[in-house]
PDB file of all heavy atoms in Angstrom:
ATOM      1  N   TYR A   1       6.146  13.701  14.567  1.00  0.00           N
ATOM      2  CA  TYR A   1       6.491  13.358  13.185  1.00  0.00           C
ATOM      3  C   TYR A   1       6.145  14.442  12.172  1.00  0.00           C
ATOM      4  O   TYR A   1       6.456  14.311  10.991  1.00  0.00           O
ATOM      5  CB  TYR A   1       5.812  12.038  12.802  1.00  0.00           C
ATOM      6  CG  TYR A   1       6.209  10.907  13.712  1.00  0.00           C
ATOM      7  CD1 TYR A   1       5.357  10.474  14.732  1.00  0.00           C
ATOM      8  CD2 TYR A   1       7.446  10.286  13.587  1.00  0.00           C
ATOM      9  CE1 TYR A   1       5.733   9.444  15.586  1.00  0.00           C
ATOM     10  CE2 TYR A   1       7.820   9.266  14.434  1.00  0.00           C
ATOM     11  CZ  TYR A   1       6.961   8.845  15.439  1.00  0.00           C
ATOM     12  OH  TYR A   1       7.341   7.835  16.287  1.00  0.00           O
ATOM     13  N   GLY A   2       5.502  15.502  12.621  1.00  0.00           N
ATOM     14  CA  GLY A   2       5.181  16.592  11.716  1.00  0.00           C
ATOM     15  C   GLY A   2       3.789  16.496  11.121  1.00  0.00           C
ATOM     16  O   GLY A   2       3.063  15.527  11.321  1.00  0.00           O
ATOM     17  N   SER A   3       3.426  17.487  10.361  1.00  0.00           N
ATOM     18  CA  SER A   3       2.094  17.596   9.775  1.00  0.00           C
ATOM     19  C   SER A   3       1.798  16.439   8.829  1.00  0.00           C
ATOM     20  O   SER A   3       2.682  15.942   8.129  1.00  0.00           O
ATOM     21  CB  SER A   3       1.975  18.916   9.010  1.00  0.00           C
ATOM     22  OG  SER A   3       0.801  18.961   8.243  1.00  0.00           O
ATOM     23  N   ARG A   4       0.535  16.059   8.773  1.00  0.00           N
ATOM     24  CA  ARG A   4       0.128  14.977   7.872  1.00  0.00           C
ATOM     25  C   ARG A   4      -0.208  15.476   6.474  1.00  0.00           C
ATOM     26  O   ARG A   4      -0.584  14.672   5.605  1.00  0.00           O
ATOM     27  CB  ARG A   4      -1.063  14.205   8.450  1.00  0.00           C
ATOM     28  CG  ARG A   4      -2.355  14.986   8.511  1.00  0.00           C
ATOM     29  CD  ARG A   4      -3.528  14.152   8.962  1.00  0.00           C
ATOM     30  NE  ARG A   4      -3.417  13.690  10.331  1.00  0.00           N
ATOM     31  CZ  ARG A   4      -4.402  13.136  11.021  1.00  0.00           C
ATOM     32  NH1 ARG A   4      -5.587  12.972  10.444  1.00  0.00           N
ATOM     33  NH2 ARG A   4      -4.242  12.740  12.267  1.00  0.00           N
ATOM     34  N   ILE A   5      -0.100  16.792   6.230  1.00  0.00           N
ATOM     35  CA  ILE A   5      -0.482  17.301   4.910  1.00  0.00           C
ATOM     36  C   ILE A   5       0.735  17.800   4.125  1.00  0.00           C
ATOM     37  O   ILE A   5       0.613  18.644   3.248  1.00  0.00           O
ATOM     38  CB  ILE A   5      -1.543  18.407   5.017  1.00  0.00           C
ATOM     39  CG1 ILE A   5      -1.027  19.600   5.836  1.00  0.00           C
ATOM     40  CG2 ILE A   5      -2.826  17.869   5.614  1.00  0.00           C
ATOM     41  CD1 ILE A   5      -1.965  20.797   5.799  1.00  0.00           C
ATOM     42  N   THR A   6       1.902  17.245   4.419  1.00  0.00           N
ATOM     43  CA  THR A   6       3.123  17.595   3.681  1.00  0.00           C
ATOM     44  C   THR A   6       3.378  16.580   2.570  1.00  0.00           C
ATOM     45  O   THR A   6       2.795  15.488   2.548  1.00  0.00           O
ATOM     46  CB  THR A   6       4.326  17.613   4.625  1.00  0.00           C
ATOM     47  OG1 THR A   6       4.498  16.292   5.164  1.00  0.00           O
ATOM     48  CG2 THR A   6       4.117  18.601   5.761  1.00  0.00           C
ATOM     49  N   ASP A   7       4.296  16.917   1.672  1.00  0.00           N
ATOM     50  CA  ASP A   7       4.696  15.973   0.628  1.00  0.00           C
ATOM     51  C   ASP A   7       5.267  14.695   1.242  1.00  0.00           C
ATOM     52  O   ASP A   7       5.037  13.588   0.742  1.00  0.00           O
ATOM     53  CB  ASP A   7       5.745  16.605  -0.293  1.00  0.00           C
ATOM     54  CG  ASP A   7       5.145  17.642  -1.224  1.00  0.00           C
ATOM     55  OD1 ASP A   7       3.909  17.782  -1.244  1.00  0.00           O
ATOM     56  OD2 ASP A   7       5.917  18.313  -1.929  1.00  0.00           O
ATOM     57  N   SER A   8       6.033  14.841   2.325  1.00  0.00           N
ATOM     58  CA  SER A   8       6.648  13.669   2.962  1.00  0.00           C
ATOM     59  C   SER A   8       5.601  12.727   3.523  1.00  0.00           C
ATOM     60  O   SER A   8       5.679  11.498   3.369  1.00  0.00           O
ATOM     61  CB  SER A   8       7.599  14.114   4.078  1.00  0.00           C
ATOM     62  OG  SER A   8       8.679  14.850   3.549  1.00  0.00           O
ATOM     63  N   ALA A   9       4.585  13.284   4.208  1.00  0.00           N
ATOM     64  CA  ALA A   9       3.530  12.458   4.786  1.00  0.00           C
ATOM     65  C   ALA A   9       2.720  11.772   3.691  1.00  0.00           C
ATOM     66  O   ALA A   9       2.379  10.583   3.792  1.00  0.00           O
ATOM     67  CB  ALA A   9       2.626  13.298   5.677  1.00  0.00           C
ATOM     68  N   LEU A  10       2.415  12.518   2.625  1.00  0.00           N
ATOM     69  CA  LEU A  10       1.674  11.924   1.515  1.00  0.00           C
ATOM     70  C   LEU A  10       2.486  10.831   0.828  1.00  0.00           C
ATOM     71  O   LEU A  10       1.945   9.801   0.429  1.00  0.00           O
ATOM     72  CB  LEU A  10       1.291  13.004   0.514  1.00  0.00           C
ATOM     73  CG  LEU A  10      -0.010  13.747   0.843  1.00  0.00           C
ATOM     74  CD1 LEU A  10      -0.055  15.099   0.181  1.00  0.00           C
ATOM     75  CD2 LEU A  10      -1.208  12.903   0.420  1.00  0.00           C
ATOM     76  N   ALA A  11       3.787  11.046   0.712  1.00  0.00           N
ATOM     77  CA  ALA A  11       4.634  10.034   0.088  1.00  0.00           C
ATOM     78  C   ALA A  11       4.622   8.736   0.887  1.00  0.00           C
ATOM     79  O   ALA A  11       4.548   7.641   0.316  1.00  0.00           O
ATOM     80  CB  ALA A  11       6.064  10.559  -0.036  1.00  0.00           C
ATOM     81  N   LYS A  12       4.677   8.860   2.203  1.00  0.00           N
ATOM     82  CA  LYS A  12       4.675   7.642   3.017  1.00  0.00           C
ATOM     83  C   LYS A  12       3.322   6.938   2.948  1.00  0.00           C
ATOM     84  O   LYS A  12       3.255   5.714   2.799  1.00  0.00           O
ATOM     85  CB  LYS A  12       5.029   7.947   4.466  1.00  0.00           C
ATOM     86  CG  LYS A  12       4.886   6.715   5.357  1.00  0.00           C
ATOM     87  CD  LYS A  12       5.891   6.616   6.453  1.00  0.00           C
ATOM     88  CE  LYS A  12       5.816   5.243   7.115  1.00  0.00           C
ATOM     89  NZ  LYS A  12       6.763   5.082   8.223  1.00  0.00           N
ATOM     90  N   THR A  13       2.230   7.699   3.065  1.00  0.00           N
ATOM     91  CA  THR A  13       0.913   7.060   3.017  1.00  0.00           C
ATOM     92  C   THR A  13       0.697   6.381   1.670  1.00  0.00           C
ATOM     93  O   THR A  13       0.151   5.276   1.602  1.00  0.00           O
ATOM     94  CB  THR A  13      -0.220   8.076   3.262  1.00  0.00           C
ATOM     95  OG1 THR A  13      -0.121   9.150   2.330  1.00  0.00           O
ATOM     96  CG2 THR A  13      -0.161   8.622   4.681  1.00  0.00           C
ATOM     97  N   ARG A  14       1.129   7.038   0.593  1.00  0.00           N
ATOM     98  CA  ARG A  14       0.983   6.432  -0.736  1.00  0.00           C
ATOM     99  C   ARG A  14       1.836   5.172  -0.881  1.00  0.00           C
ATOM    100  O   ARG A  14       1.396   4.182  -1.463  1.00  0.00           O
ATOM    101  CB  ARG A  14       1.387   7.434  -1.817  1.00  0.00           C
ATOM    102  CG  ARG A  14       0.315   8.424  -2.195  1.00  0.00           C
ATOM    103  CD  ARG A  14      -0.786   7.770  -2.992  1.00  0.00           C
ATOM    104  NE  ARG A  14      -1.810   8.743  -3.376  1.00  0.00           N
ATOM    105  CZ  ARG A  14      -3.007   8.399  -3.819  1.00  0.00           C
ATOM    106  NH1 ARG A  14      -3.354   7.127  -3.921  1.00  0.00           N
ATOM    107  NH2 ARG A  14      -3.887   9.304  -4.154  1.00  0.00           N
ATOM    108  N   SER A  15       3.046   5.193  -0.349  1.00  0.00           N
ATOM    109  CA  SER A  15       3.922   4.031  -0.502  1.00  0.00           C
ATOM    110  C   SER A  15       3.379   2.827   0.261  1.00  0.00           C
ATOM    111  O   SER A  15       3.401   1.695  -0.243  1.00  0.00           O
ATOM    112  CB  SER A  15       5.339   4.360  -0.037  1.00  0.00           C
ATOM    113  OG  SER A  15       5.379   4.661   1.343  1.00  0.00           O
ATOM    114  N   VAL A  16       2.869   3.057   1.468  1.00  0.00           N
ATOM    115  CA  VAL A  16       2.293   1.956   2.249  1.00  0.00           C
ATOM    116  C   VAL A  16       1.048   1.415   1.549  1.00  0.00           C
ATOM    117  O   VAL A  16       0.891   0.198   1.371  1.00  0.00           O
ATOM    118  CB  VAL A  16       1.959   2.434   3.675  1.00  0.00           C
ATOM    119  CG1 VAL A  16       1.138   1.380   4.423  1.00  0.00           C
ATOM    120  CG2 VAL A  16       3.228   2.750   4.452  1.00  0.00           C
ATOM    121  N   GLN A  17       0.171   2.328   1.132  1.00  0.00           N
ATOM    122  CA  GLN A  17      -1.075   1.898   0.492  1.00  0.00           C
ATOM    123  C   GLN A  17      -0.814   1.171  -0.819  1.00  0.00           C
ATOM    124  O   GLN A  17      -1.432   0.148  -1.121  1.00  0.00           O
ATOM    125  CB  GLN A  17      -1.976   3.122   0.256  1.00  0.00           C
ATOM    126  CG  GLN A  17      -3.348   2.784  -0.316  1.00  0.00           C
ATOM    127  CD  GLN A  17      -3.452   3.032  -1.794  1.00  0.00           C
ATOM    128  OE1 GLN A  17      -2.583   3.676  -2.393  1.00  0.00           O
ATOM    129  NE2 GLN A  17      -4.495   2.515  -2.409  1.00  0.00           N
ATOM    130  N   THR A  18       0.129   1.676  -1.619  1.00  0.00           N
ATOM    131  CA  THR A  18       0.416   1.054  -2.905  1.00  0.00           C
ATOM    132  C   THR A  18       0.991  -0.350  -2.732  1.00  0.00           C
ATOM    133  O   THR A  18       0.592  -1.291  -3.435  1.00  0.00           O
ATOM    134  CB  THR A  18       1.406   1.921  -3.709  1.00  0.00           C
ATOM    135  OG1 THR A  18       0.806   3.195  -3.964  1.00  0.00           O
ATOM    136  CG2 THR A  18       1.764   1.261  -5.030  1.00  0.00           C
ATOM    137  N   PHE A  19       1.903  -0.516  -1.790  1.00  0.00           N
ATOM    138  CA  PHE A  19       2.499  -1.834  -1.555  1.00  0.00           C
ATOM    139  C   PHE A  19       1.431  -2.854  -1.169  1.00  0.00           C
ATOM    140  O   PHE A  19       1.352  -3.949  -1.745  1.00  0.00           O
ATOM    141  CB  PHE A  19       3.547  -1.752  -0.441  1.00  0.00           C
ATOM    142  CG  PHE A  19       3.944  -3.097   0.107  1.00  0.00           C
ATOM    143  CD1 PHE A  19       4.756  -3.957  -0.623  1.00  0.00           C
ATOM    144  CD2 PHE A  19       3.487  -3.523   1.349  1.00  0.00           C
ATOM    145  CE1 PHE A  19       5.109  -5.202  -0.129  1.00  0.00           C
ATOM    146  CE2 PHE A  19       3.833  -4.769   1.847  1.00  0.00           C
ATOM    147  CZ  PHE A  19       4.647  -5.610   1.111  1.00  0.00           C
ATOM    148  N   ILE A  20       0.585  -2.496  -0.210  1.00  0.00           N
ATOM    149  CA  ILE A  20      -0.407  -3.458   0.288  1.00  0.00           C
ATOM    150  C   ILE A  20      -1.509  -3.687  -0.747  1.00  0.00           C
ATOM    151  O   ILE A  20      -1.958  -4.821  -0.951  1.00  0.00           O
ATOM    152  CB  ILE A  20      -1.007  -2.977   1.619  1.00  0.00           C
ATOM    153  CG1 ILE A  20       0.097  -2.698   2.639  1.00  0.00           C
ATOM    154  CG2 ILE A  20      -1.961  -4.023   2.193  1.00  0.00           C
ATOM    155  CD1 ILE A  20      -0.402  -2.058   3.922  1.00  0.00           C
ATOM    156  N   ALA A  21      -1.948  -2.608  -1.410  1.00  0.00           N
ATOM    157  CA  ALA A  21      -3.033  -2.746  -2.383  1.00  0.00           C
ATOM    158  C   ALA A  21      -2.611  -3.542  -3.609  1.00  0.00           C
ATOM    159  O   ALA A  21      -3.440  -4.188  -4.258  1.00  0.00           O
ATOM    160  CB  ALA A  21      -3.533  -1.363  -2.804  1.00  0.00           C
ATOM    161  N   ARG A  22      -1.333  -3.518  -3.956  1.00  0.00           N
ATOM    162  CA  ARG A  22      -0.840  -4.354  -5.055  1.00  0.00           C
ATOM    163  C   ARG A  22      -0.738  -5.821  -4.632  1.00  0.00           C
ATOM    164  O   ARG A  22      -1.120  -6.727  -5.372  1.00  0.00           O
ATOM    165  CB  ARG A  22       0.543  -3.886  -5.496  1.00  0.00           C
ATOM    166  CG  ARG A  22       0.569  -2.717  -6.446  1.00  0.00           C
ATOM    167  CD  ARG A  22       1.987  -2.515  -6.960  1.00  0.00           C
ATOM    168  NE  ARG A  22       2.100  -1.323  -7.771  1.00  0.00           N
ATOM    169  CZ  ARG A  22       1.758  -1.257  -9.050  1.00  0.00           C
ATOM    170  NH1 ARG A  22       1.260  -2.317  -9.651  1.00  0.00           N
ATOM    171  NH2 ARG A  22       1.913  -0.131  -9.726  1.00  0.00           N
ATOM    172  N   ALA A  23      -0.197  -6.050  -3.451  1.00  0.00           N
ATOM    173  CA  ALA A  23       0.052  -7.419  -2.997  1.00  0.00           C
ATOM    174  C   ALA A  23      -1.240  -8.185  -2.740  1.00  0.00           C
ATOM    175  O   ALA A  23      -1.313  -9.394  -2.994  1.00  0.00           O
ATOM    176  CB  ALA A  23       0.901  -7.388  -1.724  1.00  0.00           C
ATOM    177  N   THR A  24      -2.274  -7.483  -2.249  1.00  0.00           N
ATOM    178  CA  THR A  24      -3.508  -8.167  -1.837  1.00  0.00           C
ATOM    179  C   THR A  24      -4.178  -8.941  -2.966  1.00  0.00           C
ATOM    180  O   THR A  24      -4.409 -10.152  -2.834  1.00  0.00           O
ATOM    181  CB  THR A  24      -4.472  -7.161  -1.189  1.00  0.00           C
ATOM    182  OG1 THR A  24      -3.876  -6.627   0.003  1.00  0.00           O
ATOM    183  CG2 THR A  24      -5.796  -7.819  -0.832  1.00  0.00           C
ATOM    184  N   PRO A  25      -4.537  -8.329  -4.095  1.00  0.00           N
ATOM    185  CA  PRO A  25      -5.196  -9.106  -5.151  1.00  0.00           C
ATOM    186  C   PRO A  25      -4.288 -10.163  -5.776  1.00  0.00           C
ATOM    187  O   PRO A  25      -4.758 -11.227  -6.180  1.00  0.00           O
ATOM    188  CB  PRO A  25      -5.613  -8.042  -6.178  1.00  0.00           C
ATOM    189  CG  PRO A  25      -4.709  -6.890  -5.925  1.00  0.00           C
ATOM    190  CD  PRO A  25      -4.424  -6.907  -4.457  1.00  0.00           C
ATOM    191  N   GLU A  26      -3.002  -9.884  -5.857  1.00  0.00           N
ATOM    192  CA  GLU A  26      -2.077 -10.858  -6.439  1.00  0.00           C
ATOM    193  C   GLU A  26      -2.013 -12.125  -5.596  1.00  0.00           C
ATOM    194  O   GLU A  26      -2.041 -13.245  -6.125  1.00  0.00           O
ATOM    195  CB  GLU A  26      -0.692 -10.226  -6.576  1.00  0.00           C
ATOM    196  CG  GLU A  26      -0.626  -9.110  -7.608  1.00  0.00           C
ATOM    197  CD  GLU A  26       0.684  -8.345  -7.579  1.00  0.00           C
ATOM    198  OE1 GLU A  26       1.555  -8.714  -6.753  1.00  0.00           O
ATOM    199  OE2 GLU A  26       0.842  -7.397  -8.368  1.00  0.00           O
ATOM    200  N   LEU A  27      -1.925 -11.973  -4.296  1.00  0.00           N
ATOM    201  CA  LEU A  27      -1.859 -13.141  -3.404  1.00  0.00           C
ATOM    202  C   LEU A  27      -3.180 -13.901  -3.375  1.00  0.00           C
ATOM    203  O   LEU A  27      -3.195 -15.135  -3.377  1.00  0.00           O
ATOM    204  CB  LEU A  27      -1.471 -12.695  -1.996  1.00  0.00           C
ATOM    205  CG  LEU A  27      -0.007 -12.285  -1.816  1.00  0.00           C
ATOM    206  CD1 LEU A  27       0.186 -11.582  -0.477  1.00  0.00           C
ATOM    207  CD2 LEU A  27       0.910 -13.502  -1.912  1.00  0.00           C
ATOM    208  N   ILE A  28      -4.285 -13.161  -3.335  1.00  0.00           N
ATOM    209  CA  ILE A  28      -5.586 -13.835  -3.293  1.00  0.00           C
ATOM    210  C   ILE A  28      -5.821 -14.628  -4.574  1.00  0.00           C
ATOM    211  O   ILE A  28      -6.330 -15.756  -4.541  1.00  0.00           O
ATOM    212  CB  ILE A  28      -6.709 -12.810  -3.045  1.00  0.00           C
ATOM    213  CG1 ILE A  28      -6.576 -12.224  -1.632  1.00  0.00           C
ATOM    214  CG2 ILE A  28      -8.084 -13.454  -3.218  1.00  0.00           C
ATOM    215  CD1 ILE A  28      -7.561 -11.125  -1.315  1.00  0.00           C
ATOM    216  N   LEU A  29      -5.434 -14.077  -5.713  1.00  0.00           N
ATOM    217  CA  LEU A  29      -5.580 -14.804  -6.981  1.00  0.00           C
ATOM    218  C   LEU A  29      -4.733 -16.070  -6.976  1.00  0.00           C
ATOM    219  O   LEU A  29      -5.208 -17.146  -7.372  1.00  0.00           O
ATOM    220  CB  LEU A  29      -5.181 -13.894  -8.147  1.00  0.00           C
ATOM    221  CG  LEU A  29      -5.155 -14.559  -9.529  1.00  0.00           C
ATOM    222  CD1 LEU A  29      -6.529 -15.117  -9.883  1.00  0.00           C
ATOM    223  CD2 LEU A  29      -4.690 -13.555 -10.587  1.00  0.00           C
ATOM    224  N   ARG A  30      -3.503 -15.974  -6.531  1.00  0.00           N
ATOM    225  CA  ARG A  30      -2.642 -17.162  -6.480  1.00  0.00           C
ATOM    226  C   ARG A  30      -3.202 -18.197  -5.511  1.00  0.00           C
ATOM    227  O   ARG A  30      -3.113 -19.409  -5.741  1.00  0.00           O
ATOM    228  CB  ARG A  30      -1.225 -16.759  -6.072  1.00  0.00           C
ATOM    229  CG  ARG A  30      -0.447 -16.039  -7.165  1.00  0.00           C
ATOM    230  CD  ARG A  30       0.845 -15.469  -6.634  1.00  0.00           C
ATOM    231  NE  ARG A  30       1.678 -16.514  -6.023  1.00  0.00           N
ATOM    232  CZ  ARG A  30       2.688 -16.266  -5.190  1.00  0.00           C
ATOM    233  NH1 ARG A  30       2.986 -15.006  -4.857  1.00  0.00           N
ATOM    234  NH2 ARG A  30       3.398 -17.252  -4.697  1.00  0.00           N
ATOM    235  N   GLY A  31      -3.788 -17.726  -4.423  1.00  0.00           N
ATOM    236  CA  GLY A  31      -4.348 -18.652  -3.436  1.00  0.00           C
ATOM    237  C   GLY A  31      -5.492 -19.481  -3.979  1.00  0.00           C
ATOM    238  O   GLY A  31      -5.707 -20.613  -3.539  1.00  0.00           O
ATOM    239  N   MET A  32      -6.207 -18.915  -4.954  1.00  0.00           N
ATOM    240  CA  MET A  32      -7.328 -19.654  -5.524  1.00  0.00           C
ATOM    241  C   MET A  32      -6.860 -20.932  -6.224  1.00  0.00           C
ATOM    242  O   MET A  32      -7.606 -21.906  -6.325  1.00  0.00           O
ATOM    243  CB  MET A  32      -8.109 -18.764  -6.491  1.00  0.00           C
ATOM    244  CG  MET A  32      -9.435 -19.369  -6.936  1.00  0.00           C
ATOM    245  SD  MET A  32     -10.440 -18.260  -7.944  1.00  0.00           S
ATOM    246  CE  MET A  32     -11.039 -17.106  -6.710  1.00  0.00           C
ATOM    247  N   GLU A  33      -5.618 -20.947  -6.698  1.00  0.00           N
ATOM    248  CA  GLU A  33      -5.096 -22.147  -7.348  1.00  0.00           C
ATOM    249  C   GLU A  33      -5.121 -23.352  -6.410  1.00  0.00           C
ATOM    250  O   GLU A  33      -5.283 -24.499  -6.853  1.00  0.00           O
ATOM    251  CB  GLU A  33      -3.665 -21.886  -7.811  1.00  0.00           C
ATOM    252  CG  GLU A  33      -3.523 -20.795  -8.850  1.00  0.00           C
ATOM    253  CD  GLU A  33      -2.067 -20.534  -9.196  1.00  0.00           C
ATOM    254  OE1 GLU A  33      -1.203 -21.385  -8.884  1.00  0.00           O
ATOM    255  OE2 GLU A  33      -1.786 -19.474  -9.788  1.00  0.00           O
ATOM    256  N   PHE A  34      -4.950 -23.113  -5.117  1.00  0.00           N
ATOM    257  CA  PHE A  34      -4.896 -24.213  -4.153  1.00  0.00           C
ATOM    258  C   PHE A  34      -6.294 -24.710  -3.771  1.00  0.00           C
ATOM    259  O   PHE A  34      -6.430 -25.759  -3.142  1.00  0.00           O
ATOM    260  CB  PHE A  34      -4.136 -23.778  -2.892  1.00  0.00           C
ATOM    261  CG  PHE A  34      -2.698 -23.443  -3.168  1.00  0.00           C
ATOM    262  CD1 PHE A  34      -2.311 -22.139  -3.437  1.00  0.00           C
ATOM    263  CD2 PHE A  34      -1.724 -24.430  -3.194  1.00  0.00           C
ATOM    264  CE1 PHE A  34      -0.989 -21.822  -3.708  1.00  0.00           C
ATOM    265  CE2 PHE A  34      -0.397 -24.128  -3.465  1.00  0.00           C
ATOM    266  CZ  PHE A  34      -0.023 -22.820  -3.729  1.00  0.00           C
TER     267      PHE A  34
END
């Protein structure tokens, strides 16, 4: 898949991390309602 220190690799790691890190607190907060 190529080097992990390229713009492409950083873009993918950031996109995965951003998606999960945003969803986690939002879901946990909503879960507290139940």
